[in-house]
Amino acid sequence: QVQLVESGGGLVQAGGSLRLSCAASGSTFSFNFMGWYRQAPGKQRELVAVATRGGTINYADSVKGRFTISRDNAKNTVDLQMNSLKPEDTAVYYCNVGHFIGLGSWGQGTQVTVSS
């Protein structure tokens, strides 16, 4: 049983910054993929950023240059530093870990709201 807990969400003004953190517990399993998805009201859940155990990092085009993903394999944590936030970044952000991105375990989500 793997459990994920996200933290760090909140309300910020456009141009501000937030740092999200996801902590995995309940298993010593080493995950290949650790990443972040987000879902805005009425929209499909979309991949924001992902990091593999081998060091490959990918970002959605909409966040490149603004967001930075990092992972600590020893602690089974993955963070998302979000800078220059825009109103369109408003969404619930979900941590996702597993052998394949989009599968495996999901966190309950943390709300990020960016005001105009």
C-alpha atoms as a PDB file:
ATOM      1  CA  GLN A   1       0.000   0.000   0.000  1.00  0.00           C
ATOM      2  CA  VAL A   2       1.431   3.355  -1.127  1.00  0.00           C
ATOM      3  CA  GLN A   3       0.050   6.625   0.191  1.00  0.00           C
ATOM      4  CA  LEU A   4       0.836  10.080  -1.199  1.00  0.00           C
ATOM      5  CA  VAL A   5       0.300  13.377   0.616  1.00  0.00           C
ATOM      6  CA  GLU A   6       0.596  16.712  -1.192  1.00  0.00           C
ATOM      7  CA  SER A   7       1.195  20.029   0.519  1.00  0.00           C
ATOM      8  CA  GLY A   8       2.117  23.608  -0.328  1.00  0.00           C
ATOM      9  CA  GLY A   9      -0.917  24.754  -2.279  1.00  0.00           C
ATOM     10  CA  GLY A  10      -2.666  28.033  -1.633  1.00  0.00           C
ATOM     11  CA  LEU A  11      -3.826  31.366  -2.994  1.00  0.00           C
ATOM     12  CA  VAL A  12      -1.286  33.655  -4.654  1.00  0.00           C
ATOM     13  CA  GLN A  13      -1.270  36.716  -6.875  1.00  0.00           C
ATOM     14  CA  ALA A  14      -0.255  36.425 -10.519  1.00  0.00           C
ATOM     15  CA  GLY A  15       3.521  36.520 -10.764  1.00  0.00           C
ATOM     16  CA  GLY A  16       3.979  34.900  -7.375  1.00  0.00           C
ATOM     17  CA  SER A  17       5.484  31.547  -6.428  1.00  0.00           C
ATOM     18  CA  LEU A  18       4.505  28.355  -4.641  1.00  0.00           C
ATOM     19  CA  ARG A  19       6.367  25.148  -3.847  1.00  0.00           C
ATOM     20  CA  LEU A  20       4.419  21.894  -3.798  1.00  0.00           C
ATOM     21  CA  SER A  21       5.695  18.822  -2.001  1.00  0.00           C
ATOM     22  CA  CYS A  22       4.599  15.194  -2.264  1.00  0.00           C
ATOM     23  CA  ALA A  23       5.623  12.589   0.293  1.00  0.00           C
ATOM     24  CA  ALA A  24       5.187   8.864  -0.396  1.00  0.00           C
ATOM     25  CA  SER A  25       4.836   6.426   2.475  1.00  0.00           C
ATOM     26  CA  GLY A  26       3.729   2.881   3.231  1.00  0.00           C
ATOM     27  CA  SER A  27       6.252   1.172   0.953  1.00  0.00           C
ATOM     28  CA  THR A  28      10.000   1.022   0.368  1.00  0.00           C
ATOM     29  CA  PHE A  29       9.432   0.500  -3.374  1.00  0.00           C
ATOM     30  CA  SER A  30      11.594   2.659  -5.651  1.00  0.00           C
ATOM     31  CA  PHE A  31       9.341   4.350  -8.211  1.00  0.00           C
ATOM     32  CA  ASN A  32      10.444   4.876 -11.804  1.00  0.00           C
ATOM     33  CA  PHE A  33       8.134   7.842 -12.454  1.00  0.00           C
ATOM     34  CA  MET A  34       7.322  10.619 -10.008  1.00  0.00           C
ATOM     35  CA  GLY A  35       5.357  13.549 -11.327  1.00  0.00           C
ATOM     36  CA  TRP A  36       2.616  16.125 -11.054  1.00  0.00           C
ATOM     37  CA  TYR A  37      -0.723  16.404 -12.803  1.00  0.00           C
ATOM     38  CA  ARG A  38      -3.289  19.169 -12.533  1.00  0.00           C
ATOM     39  CA  GLN A  39      -6.994  19.458 -13.193  1.00  0.00           C
ATOM     40  CA  ALA A  40      -8.909  22.703 -13.606  1.00  0.00           C
ATOM     41  CA  PRO A  41     -12.703  22.859 -13.186  1.00  0.00           C
ATOM     42  CA  GLY A  42     -14.428  21.270 -16.176  1.00  0.00           C
ATOM     43  CA  LYS A  43     -11.117  20.205 -17.726  1.00  0.00           C
ATOM     44  CA  GLN A  44      -9.296  16.911 -18.176  1.00  0.00           C
ATOM     45  CA  ARG A  45      -6.429  16.051 -15.888  1.00  0.00           C
ATOM     46  CA  GLU A  46      -3.137  16.948 -17.597  1.00  0.00           C
ATOM     47  CA  LEU A  47       0.512  16.145 -16.993  1.00  0.00           C
ATOM     48  CA  VAL A  48       2.519  19.097 -15.681  1.00  0.00           C
ATOM     49  CA  ALA A  49       5.973  17.645 -15.031  1.00  0.00           C
ATOM     50  CA  VAL A  50       7.585  14.248 -14.557  1.00  0.00           C
ATOM     51  CA  ALA A  51      10.966  12.968 -13.373  1.00  0.00           C
ATOM     52  CA  THR A  52      12.266   9.422 -13.829  1.00  0.00           C
ATOM     53  CA  ARG A  53      14.630   7.592 -11.527  1.00  0.00           C
ATOM     54  CA  GLY A  54      17.168   7.648 -14.374  1.00  0.00           C
ATOM     55  CA  GLY A  55      17.190  11.448 -14.416  1.00  0.00           C
ATOM     56  CA  THR A  56      14.931  12.274 -17.355  1.00  0.00           C
ATOM     57  CA  ILE A  57      12.751  15.346 -16.763  1.00  0.00           C
ATOM     58  CA  ASN A  58       9.901  16.584 -18.934  1.00  0.00           C
ATOM     59  CA  TYR A  59       7.557  19.556 -18.627  1.00  0.00           C
ATOM     60  CA  ALA A  60       4.353  20.571 -20.286  1.00  0.00           C
ATOM     61  CA  ASP A  61       5.000  23.354 -22.786  1.00  0.00           C
ATOM     62  CA  SER A  62       2.778  25.696 -20.792  1.00  0.00           C
ATOM     63  CA  VAL A  63       5.062  25.571 -17.725  1.00  0.00           C
ATOM     64  CA  LYS A  64       8.542  25.336 -19.259  1.00  0.00           C
ATOM     65  CA  GLY A  65      10.839  27.997 -17.868  1.00  0.00           C
ATOM     66  CA  ARG A  66       8.548  28.638 -14.905  1.00  0.00           C
ATOM     67  CA  PHE A  67       8.229  25.315 -13.048  1.00  0.00           C
ATOM     68  CA  THR A  68      10.979  23.055 -11.726  1.00  0.00           C
ATOM     69  CA  ILE A  69      10.469  19.459 -10.608  1.00  0.00           C
ATOM     70  CA  SER A  70      12.857  17.724  -8.218  1.00  0.00           C
ATOM     71  CA  ARG A  71      12.872  14.358  -6.469  1.00  0.00           C
ATOM     72  CA  ASP A  72      14.634  12.805  -3.509  1.00  0.00           C
ATOM     73  CA  ASN A  73      14.826   9.063  -4.096  1.00  0.00           C
ATOM     74  CA  ALA A  74      16.051   8.325  -0.574  1.00  0.00           C
ATOM     75  CA  LYS A  75      13.020  10.027   1.000  1.00  0.00           C
ATOM     76  CA  ASN A  76      10.523   9.189  -1.762  1.00  0.00           C
ATOM     77  CA  THR A  77       9.510  12.808  -2.202  1.00  0.00           C
ATOM     78  CA  VAL A  78       8.923  14.945  -5.269  1.00  0.00           C
ATOM     79  CA  ASP A  79       8.574  18.719  -5.262  1.00  0.00           C
ATOM     80  CA  LEU A  80       7.334  21.242  -7.786  1.00  0.00           C
ATOM     81  CA  GLN A  81       8.657  24.789  -7.604  1.00  0.00           C
ATOM     82  CA  MET A  82       6.231  27.088  -9.414  1.00  0.00           C
ATOM     83  CA  ASN A  83       7.361  30.594 -10.331  1.00  0.00           C
ATOM     84  CA  SER A  84       5.750  33.380 -12.356  1.00  0.00           C
ATOM     85  CA  LEU A  85       2.342  31.882 -11.716  1.00  0.00           C
ATOM     86  CA  LYS A  86      -0.514  32.768 -14.038  1.00  0.00           C
ATOM     87  CA  PRO A  87      -4.293  32.601 -13.517  1.00  0.00           C
ATOM     88  CA  GLU A  88      -4.409  29.707 -15.994  1.00  0.00           C
ATOM     89  CA  ASP A  89      -2.268  27.689 -13.573  1.00  0.00           C
ATOM     90  CA  THR A  90      -5.248  27.559 -11.208  1.00  0.00           C
ATOM     91  CA  ALA A  91      -6.124  23.897 -10.635  1.00  0.00           C
ATOM     92  CA  VAL A  92      -5.981  21.016  -8.219  1.00  0.00           C
ATOM     93  CA  TYR A  93      -2.491  19.537  -8.411  1.00  0.00           C
ATOM     94  CA  TYR A  94      -2.028  15.782  -7.963  1.00  0.00           C
ATOM     95  CA  CYS A  95       1.113  13.822  -7.215  1.00  0.00           C
ATOM     96  CA  ASN A  96       1.515  10.580  -9.206  1.00  0.00           C
ATOM     97  CA  VAL A  97       4.116   7.833  -8.740  1.00  0.00           C
ATOM     98  CA  GLY A  98       4.601   4.399 -10.273  1.00  0.00           C
ATOM     99  CA  HIS A  99       6.282   2.351 -12.967  1.00  0.00           C
ATOM    100  CA  PHE A 100       4.241   4.183 -15.609  1.00  0.00           C
ATOM    101  CA  ILE A 101       3.217   7.824 -15.375  1.00  0.00           C
ATOM    102  CA  GLY A 102      -0.526   8.237 -15.112  1.00  0.00           C
ATOM    103  CA  LEU A 103      -0.913   4.869 -13.382  1.00  0.00           C
ATOM    104  CA  GLY A 104       0.224   3.672  -9.977  1.00  0.00           C
ATOM    105  CA  SER A 105      -0.638   5.766  -6.924  1.00  0.00           C
ATOM    106  CA  TRP A 106      -2.313   9.178  -6.693  1.00  0.00           C
ATOM    107  CA  GLY A 107      -2.428  11.793  -3.983  1.00  0.00           C
ATOM    108  CA  GLN A 108      -5.660  13.460  -2.909  1.00  0.00           C
ATOM    109  CA  GLY A 109      -4.662  16.763  -4.504  1.00  0.00           C
ATOM    110  CA  THR A 110      -3.799  20.259  -3.329  1.00  0.00           C
ATOM    111  CA  GLN A 111      -5.541  23.417  -4.545  1.00  0.00           C
ATOM    112  CA  VAL A 112      -3.540  26.131  -6.289  1.00  0.00           C
ATOM    113  CA  THR A 113      -5.386  29.376  -7.001  1.00  0.00           C
ATOM    114  CA  VAL A 114      -3.757  32.281  -8.837  1.00  0.00           C
ATOM    115  CA  SER A 115      -5.600  35.593  -8.813  1.00  0.00           C
ATOM    116  CA  SER A 116      -5.464  38.116 -11.655  1.00  0.00           C
END
